[in-house]
């Protein structure tokens, strides 16, 4: 079966064995249930199966690749032929999953934000995420305040999750060869977080503030909080700051204050 990567699905198949070895050794997955997003032709899947996971789930949208993976791995895998953006991951299995993913560049941030913003406190469906992003996107995810790449993605990603960069990956490790470097990140749950009732409010706060990221936050603050000076004093906010000058916790605390006005 001839398989050609589809540009429309953002397919870049991982072909470098050294990188595959690095990925499958990030965590011990023996007797753990795992989920792989976008397995492509199964190069990483093959390596993961060598580590003897308890159960292996694959999510693949491309029908031709589904057929190929079924022929390659048979009953060793459970394959879900669907778009990851349409999937309720918490319904896949009762076990918490360790997730591996060479995410399509065009929807990688959408996937990550979906997982974080829809994450239920009562049923957390994953233990760890081991995900590959375009390096530029990964830099935004792990960025801290006062840096040029700090923004909405940094704030949302770091709310619930600890994030560690594993390595950068060169274009030559993929087929077809992308024009940019990639980065591999490891995500795990934070034990303590600033509690927010509705995560969509965090999304709204960050969207409002970063709409004009080069301007002072006065206008954005007034749009959300009118002339409320108590919050400014409580959180020690300088309205002459730019959005990137406020640290992570300030955005989480701002969201809590916003929710007090709503509920």
C-alpha atoms as a PDB file:
ATOM      1  CA  UNK A   1       0.000   0.000   0.000  1.00  0.00           C
ATOM      2  CA  UNK A   2       1.479   3.321  -1.106  1.00  0.00           C
ATOM      3  CA  UNK A   3       0.935   6.003   1.519  1.00  0.00           C
ATOM      4  CA  UNK A   4       1.586   9.634   0.707  1.00  0.00           C
ATOM      5  CA  UNK A   5       1.448  12.278   3.452  1.00  0.00           C
ATOM      6  CA  UNK A   6      -1.534  14.606   3.157  1.00  0.00           C
ATOM      7  CA  UNK A   7      -0.732  18.281   3.441  1.00  0.00           C
ATOM      8  CA  UNK A   8      -4.385  19.002   4.303  1.00  0.00           C
ATOM      9  CA  UNK A   9      -4.008  16.906   7.494  1.00  0.00           C
ATOM     10  CA  UNK A  10      -0.629  18.390   8.393  1.00  0.00           C
ATOM     11  CA  UNK A  11       1.027  14.964   8.081  1.00  0.00           C
ATOM     12  CA  UNK A  12       4.789  14.754   8.659  1.00  0.00           C
ATOM     13  CA  UNK A  13       5.778  11.188   9.508  1.00  0.00           C
ATOM     14  CA  UNK A  14       8.504  10.669  12.107  1.00  0.00           C
ATOM     15  CA  UNK A  15      11.247   8.502  10.606  1.00  0.00           C
ATOM     16  CA  UNK A  16      14.316   9.017  12.820  1.00  0.00           C
ATOM     17  CA  UNK A  17      14.984   5.999  15.081  1.00  0.00           C
ATOM     18  CA  UNK A  18      17.138   7.960  17.535  1.00  0.00           C
ATOM     19  CA  UNK A  19      14.298  10.404  18.196  1.00  0.00           C
ATOM     20  CA  UNK A  20      11.806   7.542  18.445  1.00  0.00           C
ATOM     21  CA  UNK A  21      14.036   5.931  21.101  1.00  0.00           C
ATOM     22  CA  UNK A  22      14.218   9.215  23.005  1.00  0.00           C
ATOM     23  CA  UNK A  23      10.419   9.600  22.957  1.00  0.00           C
ATOM     24  CA  UNK A  24       9.609   6.062  24.100  1.00  0.00           C
ATOM     25  CA  UNK A  25      12.096   6.376  26.975  1.00  0.00           C
ATOM     26  CA  UNK A  26      10.757   9.647  28.410  1.00  0.00           C
ATOM     27  CA  UNK A  27       8.594   7.620  30.823  1.00  0.00           C
ATOM     28  CA  UNK A  28       8.209   3.992  31.841  1.00  0.00           C
ATOM     29  CA  UNK A  29       5.009   2.858  30.100  1.00  0.00           C
ATOM     30  CA  UNK A  30       5.163  -0.847  30.934  1.00  0.00           C
ATOM     31  CA  UNK A  31       1.675  -2.036  31.982  1.00  0.00           C
ATOM     32  CA  UNK A  32       0.297   1.501  31.473  1.00  0.00           C
ATOM     33  CA  UNK A  33      -2.517   2.438  29.098  1.00  0.00           C
ATOM     34  CA  UNK A  34      -1.336   4.771  26.354  1.00  0.00           C
ATOM     35  CA  UNK A  35      -2.909   6.904  23.656  1.00  0.00           C
ATOM     36  CA  UNK A  36      -1.102   7.973  20.499  1.00  0.00           C
ATOM     37  CA  UNK A  37      -2.472  10.868  18.460  1.00  0.00           C
ATOM     38  CA  UNK A  38      -1.790  10.809  14.717  1.00  0.00           C
ATOM     39  CA  UNK A  39       0.360   7.652  14.514  1.00  0.00           C
ATOM     40  CA  UNK A  40       0.889   8.032  10.771  1.00  0.00           C
ATOM     41  CA  UNK A  41       2.581   4.920   9.382  1.00  0.00           C
ATOM     42  CA  UNK A  42       3.212   3.528  12.879  1.00  0.00           C
ATOM     43  CA  UNK A  43       6.952   4.145  13.321  1.00  0.00           C
ATOM     44  CA  UNK A  44       6.524   5.487  16.861  1.00  0.00           C
ATOM     45  CA  UNK A  45       3.745   2.978  17.560  1.00  0.00           C
ATOM     46  CA  UNK A  46       6.161   0.132  16.855  1.00  0.00           C
ATOM     47  CA  UNK A  47       8.610   1.524  19.418  1.00  0.00           C
ATOM     48  CA  UNK A  48       5.904   2.084  22.014  1.00  0.00           C
ATOM     49  CA  UNK A  49       4.643  -1.494  21.702  1.00  0.00           C
ATOM     50  CA  UNK A  50       8.163  -2.791  22.464  1.00  0.00           C
ATOM     51  CA  UNK A  51       7.792  -1.167  25.905  1.00  0.00           C
ATOM     52  CA  UNK A  52       4.875  -3.524  26.684  1.00  0.00           C
ATOM     53  CA  UNK A  53       2.077  -1.100  27.545  1.00  0.00           C
ATOM     54  CA  UNK A  54      -1.073  -2.571  29.071  1.00  0.00           C
ATOM     55  CA  UNK A  55      -3.338  -1.141  26.374  1.00  0.00           C
ATOM     56  CA  UNK A  56      -2.557   0.935  23.268  1.00  0.00           C
ATOM     57  CA  UNK A  57      -5.114   3.281  21.714  1.00  0.00           C
ATOM     58  CA  UNK A  58      -4.479   5.134  18.469  1.00  0.00           C
ATOM     59  CA  UNK A  59      -6.469   8.071  17.083  1.00  0.00           C
ATOM     60  CA  UNK A  60      -6.094   8.410  13.314  1.00  0.00           C
ATOM     61  CA  UNK A  61      -8.353  10.411  10.994  1.00  0.00           C
ATOM     62  CA  UNK A  62      -6.912   9.163   7.670  1.00  0.00           C
ATOM     63  CA  UNK A  63      -8.806   6.057   6.507  1.00  0.00           C
ATOM     64  CA  UNK A  64      -5.884   4.695   4.463  1.00  0.00           C
ATOM     65  CA  UNK A  65      -3.577   4.948   7.462  1.00  0.00           C
ATOM     66  CA  UNK A  66      -6.167   3.199   9.636  1.00  0.00           C
ATOM     67  CA  UNK A  67      -6.125   0.235   7.242  1.00  0.00           C
ATOM     68  CA  UNK A  68      -2.312   0.212   7.214  1.00  0.00           C
ATOM     69  CA  UNK A  69      -2.079   0.314  11.024  1.00  0.00           C
ATOM     70  CA  UNK A  70      -4.605  -2.515  11.410  1.00  0.00           C
ATOM     71  CA  UNK A  71      -2.553  -4.689   9.039  1.00  0.00           C
ATOM     72  CA  UNK A  72       0.698  -3.818  10.813  1.00  0.00           C
ATOM     73  CA  UNK A  73      -0.358  -4.247  14.427  1.00  0.00           C
ATOM     74  CA  UNK A  74      -3.610  -6.230  14.457  1.00  0.00           C
ATOM     75  CA  UNK A  75      -4.970  -6.882  17.943  1.00  0.00           C
ATOM     76  CA  UNK A  76      -2.039  -5.165  19.652  1.00  0.00           C
ATOM     77  CA  UNK A  77      -3.831  -1.840  19.177  1.00  0.00           C
ATOM     78  CA  UNK A  78      -7.319  -0.342  19.504  1.00  0.00           C
ATOM     79  CA  UNK A  79      -7.746   2.234  16.777  1.00  0.00           C
ATOM     80  CA  UNK A  80     -10.206   5.126  16.765  1.00  0.00           C
ATOM     81  CA  UNK A  81     -10.899   6.453  13.262  1.00  0.00           C
ATOM     82  CA  UNK A  82     -11.897  10.016  14.129  1.00  0.00           C
ATOM     83  CA  UNK A  83     -10.774  13.623  14.326  1.00  0.00           C
ATOM     84  CA  UNK A  84      -9.120  14.259  17.707  1.00  0.00           C
ATOM     85  CA  UNK A  85     -10.972  17.587  17.960  1.00  0.00           C
ATOM     86  CA  UNK A  86     -14.306  15.749  17.912  1.00  0.00           C
ATOM     87  CA  UNK A  87     -13.334  13.132  20.469  1.00  0.00           C
ATOM     88  CA  UNK A  88     -14.271  12.873  24.142  1.00  0.00           C
ATOM     89  CA  UNK A  89     -10.962  11.508  25.415  1.00  0.00           C
ATOM     90  CA  UNK A  90     -12.331  10.789  28.894  1.00  0.00           C
ATOM     91  CA  UNK A  91     -14.554   8.077  27.380  1.00  0.00           C
ATOM     92  CA  UNK A  92     -11.684   6.127  25.766  1.00  0.00           C
ATOM     93  CA  UNK A  93     -10.715   4.069  28.809  1.00  0.00           C
ATOM     94  CA  UNK A  94     -11.179   3.890  32.570  1.00  0.00           C
ATOM     95  CA  UNK A  95      -7.410   4.037  33.155  1.00  0.00           C
ATOM     96  CA  UNK A  96      -5.614   7.361  33.081  1.00  0.00           C
ATOM     97  CA  UNK A  97      -3.724   7.536  29.816  1.00  0.00           C
ATOM     98  CA  UNK A  98      -0.176   8.499  28.924  1.00  0.00           C
ATOM     99  CA  UNK A  99      -0.543  10.440  25.686  1.00  0.00           C
ATOM    100  CA  UNK A 100       1.973  10.576  22.847  1.00  0.00           C
ATOM    101  CA  UNK A 101       1.467  12.846  19.886  1.00  0.00           C
ATOM    102  CA  UNK A 102       3.276  14.219  16.851  1.00  0.00           C
ATOM    103  CA  UNK A 103       0.539  16.841  16.559  1.00  0.00           C
ATOM    104  CA  UNK A 104      -0.374  18.377  13.188  1.00  0.00           C
ATOM    105  CA  UNK A 105       1.119  21.870  13.200  1.00  0.00           C
ATOM    106  CA  UNK A 106      -2.094  23.456  11.932  1.00  0.00           C
ATOM    107  CA  UNK A 107      -4.232  22.325  14.910  1.00  0.00           C
ATOM    108  CA  UNK A 108      -1.694  21.638  17.685  1.00  0.00           C
ATOM    109  CA  UNK A 109      -2.598  24.668  19.827  1.00  0.00           C
ATOM    110  CA  UNK A 110      -6.303  23.987  19.348  1.00  0.00           C
ATOM    111  CA  UNK A 111      -5.846  20.414  20.603  1.00  0.00           C
ATOM    112  CA  UNK A 112      -3.841  21.466  23.662  1.00  0.00           C
ATOM    113  CA  UNK A 113      -6.254  24.267  24.632  1.00  0.00           C
ATOM    114  CA  UNK A 114      -9.210  21.911  24.213  1.00  0.00           C
ATOM    115  CA  UNK A 115      -7.637  19.432  26.628  1.00  0.00           C
ATOM    116  CA  UNK A 116      -6.787  22.052  29.251  1.00  0.00           C
ATOM    117  CA  UNK A 117      -9.981  24.108  29.124  1.00  0.00           C
ATOM    118  CA  UNK A 118     -12.229  21.017  29.121  1.00  0.00           C
ATOM    119  CA  UNK A 119     -10.317  19.168  31.828  1.00  0.00           C
ATOM    120  CA  UNK A 120     -12.676  18.065  34.574  1.00  0.00           C
ATOM    121  CA  UNK A 121     -11.451  18.181  38.168  1.00  0.00           C
ATOM    122  CA  UNK A 122     -13.566  15.111  38.889  1.00  0.00           C
ATOM    123  CA  UNK A 123     -12.274  12.990  36.021  1.00  0.00           C
ATOM    124  CA  UNK A 124      -8.762  13.730  34.837  1.00  0.00           C
ATOM    125  CA  UNK A 125      -8.306  11.393  31.877  1.00  0.00           C
ATOM    126  CA  UNK A 126      -4.524  11.565  31.415  1.00  0.00           C
ATOM    127  CA  UNK A 127      -1.451  11.218  33.611  1.00  0.00           C
ATOM    128  CA  UNK A 128       1.122  12.682  31.229  1.00  0.00           C
ATOM    129  CA  UNK A 129       1.248  14.258  27.782  1.00  0.00           C
ATOM    130  CA  UNK A 130       4.370  13.763  25.640  1.00  0.00           C
ATOM    131  CA  UNK A 131       3.748  15.997  22.667  1.00  0.00           C
ATOM    132  CA  UNK A 132       5.618  17.378  19.690  1.00  0.00           C
ATOM    133  CA  UNK A 133       5.016  20.927  18.491  1.00  0.00           C
ATOM    134  CA  UNK A 134       6.520  23.311  15.996  1.00  0.00           C
ATOM    135  CA  UNK A 135       9.429  24.851  17.953  1.00  0.00           C
ATOM    136  CA  UNK A 136       7.969  28.340  17.735  1.00  0.00           C
ATOM    137  CA  UNK A 137       4.740  27.094  19.339  1.00  0.00           C
ATOM    138  CA  UNK A 138       6.635  25.158  22.032  1.00  0.00           C
ATOM    139  CA  UNK A 139       8.593  28.323  22.869  1.00  0.00           C
ATOM    140  CA  UNK A 140       5.296  30.152  23.386  1.00  0.00           C
ATOM    141  CA  UNK A 141       3.968  27.363  25.616  1.00  0.00           C
ATOM    142  CA  UNK A 142       6.977  27.401  27.974  1.00  0.00           C
ATOM    143  CA  UNK A 143       7.608  31.151  27.886  1.00  0.00           C
ATOM    144  CA  UNK A 144       7.531  33.299  31.032  1.00  0.00           C
ATOM    145  CA  UNK A 145       6.332  36.892  31.408  1.00  0.00           C
ATOM    146  CA  UNK A 146       8.333  39.819  30.079  1.00  0.00           C
ATOM    147  CA  UNK A 147       9.400  37.741  27.066  1.00  0.00           C
ATOM    148  CA  UNK A 148       8.285  38.463  23.509  1.00  0.00           C
ATOM    149  CA  UNK A 149       6.746  35.011  22.956  1.00  0.00           C
ATOM    150  CA  UNK A 150       4.777  35.075  26.249  1.00  0.00           C
ATOM    151  CA  UNK A 151       1.042  35.197  25.660  1.00  0.00           C
ATOM    152  CA  UNK A 152      -2.315  33.473  25.876  1.00  0.00           C
ATOM    153  CA  UNK A 153      -0.916  30.037  25.101  1.00  0.00           C
ATOM    154  CA  UNK A 154       1.722  30.353  27.854  1.00  0.00           C
ATOM    155  CA  UNK A 155      -0.907  31.377  30.424  1.00  0.00           C
ATOM    156  CA  UNK A 156      -3.502  28.737  29.546  1.00  0.00           C
ATOM    157  CA  UNK A 157      -0.937  25.904  29.269  1.00  0.00           C
ATOM    158  CA  UNK A 158       0.741  26.655  32.600  1.00  0.00           C
ATOM    159  CA  UNK A 159      -2.492  26.984  34.592  1.00  0.00           C
ATOM    160  CA  UNK A 160      -3.052  23.263  35.172  1.00  0.00           C
ATOM    161  CA  UNK A 161       0.173  21.706  33.960  1.00  0.00           C
ATOM    162  CA  UNK A 162       3.885  21.482  34.728  1.00  0.00           C
ATOM    163  CA  UNK A 163       5.803  21.637  31.456  1.00  0.00           C
ATOM    164  CA  UNK A 164       9.295  20.386  30.688  1.00  0.00           C
ATOM    165  CA  UNK A 165      11.135  20.631  27.391  1.00  0.00           C
ATOM    166  CA  UNK A 166      12.768  17.330  26.417  1.00  0.00           C
ATOM    167  CA  UNK A 167      14.569  18.260  23.202  1.00  0.00           C
ATOM    168  CA  UNK A 168      14.444  20.021  19.849  1.00  0.00           C
ATOM    169  CA  UNK A 169      14.007  17.916  16.721  1.00  0.00           C
ATOM    170  CA  UNK A 170      15.457  18.795  13.321  1.00  0.00           C
ATOM    171  CA  UNK A 171      13.413  18.815  10.088  1.00  0.00           C
ATOM    172  CA  UNK A 172      15.431  15.856   8.742  1.00  0.00           C
ATOM    173  CA  UNK A 173      13.759  13.545  11.280  1.00  0.00           C
ATOM    174  CA  UNK A 174      10.470  13.703   9.346  1.00  0.00           C
ATOM    175  CA  UNK A 175       9.030  12.803   5.982  1.00  0.00           C
ATOM    176  CA  UNK A 176       8.176  15.023   4.258  1.00  0.00           C
ATOM    177  CA  UNK A 177      10.785  17.341   5.705  1.00  0.00           C
ATOM    178  CA  UNK A 178       9.119  20.398   7.319  1.00  0.00           C
ATOM    179  CA  UNK A 179      10.660  23.858   6.981  1.00  0.00           C
ATOM    180  CA  UNK A 180      10.931  24.357  10.749  1.00  0.00           C
ATOM    181  CA  UNK A 181      12.341  22.666  13.852  1.00  0.00           C
ATOM    182  CA  UNK A 182      10.079  20.860  16.298  1.00  0.00           C
ATOM    183  CA  UNK A 183      10.235  20.506  20.092  1.00  0.00           C
ATOM    184  CA  UNK A 184       9.175  17.668  22.373  1.00  0.00           C
ATOM    185  CA  UNK A 185       7.427  18.685  25.610  1.00  0.00           C
ATOM    186  CA  UNK A 186       6.382  16.685  28.673  1.00  0.00           C
ATOM    187  CA  UNK A 187       3.273  17.823  30.560  1.00  0.00           C
ATOM    188  CA  UNK A 188       2.185  16.658  34.021  1.00  0.00           C
ATOM    189  CA  UNK A 189      -0.509  17.812  36.464  1.00  0.00           C
ATOM    190  CA  UNK A 190       0.138  20.556  38.976  1.00  0.00           C
ATOM    191  CA  UNK A 191      -0.737  19.490  42.513  1.00  0.00           C
ATOM    192  CA  UNK A 192      -1.860  22.996  43.455  1.00  0.00           C
ATOM    193  CA  UNK A 193      -3.585  25.416  41.128  1.00  0.00           C
ATOM    194  CA  UNK A 194      -5.469  28.695  41.463  1.00  0.00           C
ATOM    195  CA  UNK A 195      -9.054  27.475  41.208  1.00  0.00           C
ATOM    196  CA  UNK A 196     -11.173  28.932  38.413  1.00  0.00           C
ATOM    197  CA  UNK A 197     -14.873  28.074  38.170  1.00  0.00           C
ATOM    198  CA  UNK A 198     -15.121  28.236  34.394  1.00  0.00           C
ATOM    199  CA  UNK A 199     -11.891  27.893  32.369  1.00  0.00           C
ATOM    200  CA  UNK A 200     -13.541  29.786  29.507  1.00  0.00           C
ATOM    201  CA  UNK A 201     -13.261  32.892  31.676  1.00  0.00           C
ATOM    202  CA  UNK A 202      -9.473  32.503  31.658  1.00  0.00           C
ATOM    203  CA  UNK A 203      -9.645  32.244  27.884  1.00  0.00           C
ATOM    204  CA  UNK A 204     -11.743  35.452  27.784  1.00  0.00           C
ATOM    205  CA  UNK A 205      -9.404  37.375  30.113  1.00  0.00           C
ATOM    206  CA  UNK A 206      -6.316  36.480  28.097  1.00  0.00           C
ATOM    207  CA  UNK A 207      -8.032  37.131  24.763  1.00  0.00           C
ATOM    208  CA  UNK A 208      -9.117  40.600  25.920  1.00  0.00           C
ATOM    209  CA  UNK A 209      -5.715  41.578  27.318  1.00  0.00           C
ATOM    210  CA  UNK A 210      -3.624  40.244  24.440  1.00  0.00           C
ATOM    211  CA  UNK A 211      -5.844  41.657  21.706  1.00  0.00           C
ATOM    212  CA  UNK A 212      -3.586  44.721  21.843  1.00  0.00           C
ATOM    213  CA  UNK A 213      -0.402  43.179  23.153  1.00  0.00           C
ATOM    214  CA  UNK A 214       1.801  46.207  22.448  1.00  0.00           C
ATOM    215  CA  UNK A 215      -0.489  48.668  24.192  1.00  0.00           C
ATOM    216  CA  UNK A 216      -0.946  49.434  27.882  1.00  0.00           C
ATOM    217  CA  UNK A 217      -3.559  47.330  29.651  1.00  0.00           C
ATOM    218  CA  UNK A 218      -5.708  50.293  30.800  1.00  0.00           C
ATOM    219  CA  UNK A 219      -8.306  49.859  28.058  1.00  0.00           C
ATOM    220  CA  UNK A 220      -8.526  46.068  28.409  1.00  0.00           C
ATOM    221  CA  UNK A 221      -8.836  46.306  32.182  1.00  0.00           C
ATOM    222  CA  UNK A 222     -11.620  48.875  31.930  1.00  0.00           C
ATOM    223  CA  UNK A 223     -13.489  46.731  29.407  1.00  0.00           C
ATOM    224  CA  UNK A 224     -13.603  43.840  31.895  1.00  0.00           C
ATOM    225  CA  UNK A 225     -13.607  45.557  35.301  1.00  0.00           C
ATOM    226  CA  UNK A 226     -14.824  49.102  34.557  1.00  0.00           C
ATOM    227  CA  UNK A 227     -13.240  51.444  37.122  1.00  0.00           C
ATOM    228  CA  UNK A 228     -12.785  48.873  39.900  1.00  0.00           C
ATOM    229  CA  UNK A 229      -9.733  50.138  41.810  1.00  0.00           C
ATOM    230  CA  UNK A 230      -9.943  47.523  44.570  1.00  0.00           C
ATOM    231  CA  UNK A 231      -8.721  44.775  42.231  1.00  0.00           C
ATOM    232  CA  UNK A 232      -5.872  46.976  41.002  1.00  0.00           C
ATOM    233  CA  UNK A 233      -4.705  47.531  44.582  1.00  0.00           C
ATOM    234  CA  UNK A 234      -5.304  43.944  45.685  1.00  0.00           C
ATOM    235  CA  UNK A 235      -3.260  42.451  42.815  1.00  0.00           C
ATOM    236  CA  UNK A 236      -0.796  45.361  42.656  1.00  0.00           C
ATOM    237  CA  UNK A 237      -1.407  45.921  38.949  1.00  0.00           C
ATOM    238  CA  UNK A 238       0.155  48.803  37.063  1.00  0.00           C
ATOM    239  CA  UNK A 239      -2.281  49.833  34.320  1.00  0.00           C
ATOM    240  CA  UNK A 240       0.614  51.275  32.318  1.00  0.00           C
ATOM    241  CA  UNK A 241       1.988  47.733  31.896  1.00  0.00           C
ATOM    242  CA  UNK A 242       1.765  45.774  28.661  1.00  0.00           C
ATOM    243  CA  UNK A 243      -0.030  42.395  28.656  1.00  0.00           C
ATOM    244  CA  UNK A 244       3.274  40.464  28.618  1.00  0.00           C
ATOM    245  CA  UNK A 245       4.415  42.231  31.807  1.00  0.00           C
ATOM    246  CA  UNK A 246       1.811  40.471  33.998  1.00  0.00           C
ATOM    247  CA  UNK A 247       2.957  37.095  35.318  1.00  0.00           C
ATOM    248  CA  UNK A 248       0.996  33.842  35.139  1.00  0.00           C
ATOM    249  CA  UNK A 249      -0.545  34.035  38.610  1.00  0.00           C
ATOM    250  CA  UNK A 250      -1.784  37.585  38.040  1.00  0.00           C
ATOM    251  CA  UNK A 251      -3.878  36.364  35.101  1.00  0.00           C
ATOM    252  CA  UNK A 252      -5.288  33.486  37.159  1.00  0.00           C
ATOM    253  CA  UNK A 253      -6.123  35.840  40.034  1.00  0.00           C
ATOM    254  CA  UNK A 254      -7.666  38.345  37.612  1.00  0.00           C
ATOM    255  CA  UNK A 255      -9.904  35.563  36.332  1.00  0.00           C
ATOM    256  CA  UNK A 256     -11.004  34.734  39.878  1.00  0.00           C
ATOM    257  CA  UNK A 257     -11.842  38.400  40.487  1.00  0.00           C
ATOM    258  CA  UNK A 258     -13.756  38.531  37.205  1.00  0.00           C
ATOM    259  CA  UNK A 259     -15.775  35.487  38.268  1.00  0.00           C
ATOM    260  CA  UNK A 260     -16.702  37.173  41.557  1.00  0.00           C
ATOM    261  CA  UNK A 261     -18.325  39.921  39.518  1.00  0.00           C
ATOM    262  CA  UNK A 262     -20.201  37.380  37.410  1.00  0.00           C
ATOM    263  CA  UNK A 263     -21.529  34.940  40.005  1.00  0.00           C
END
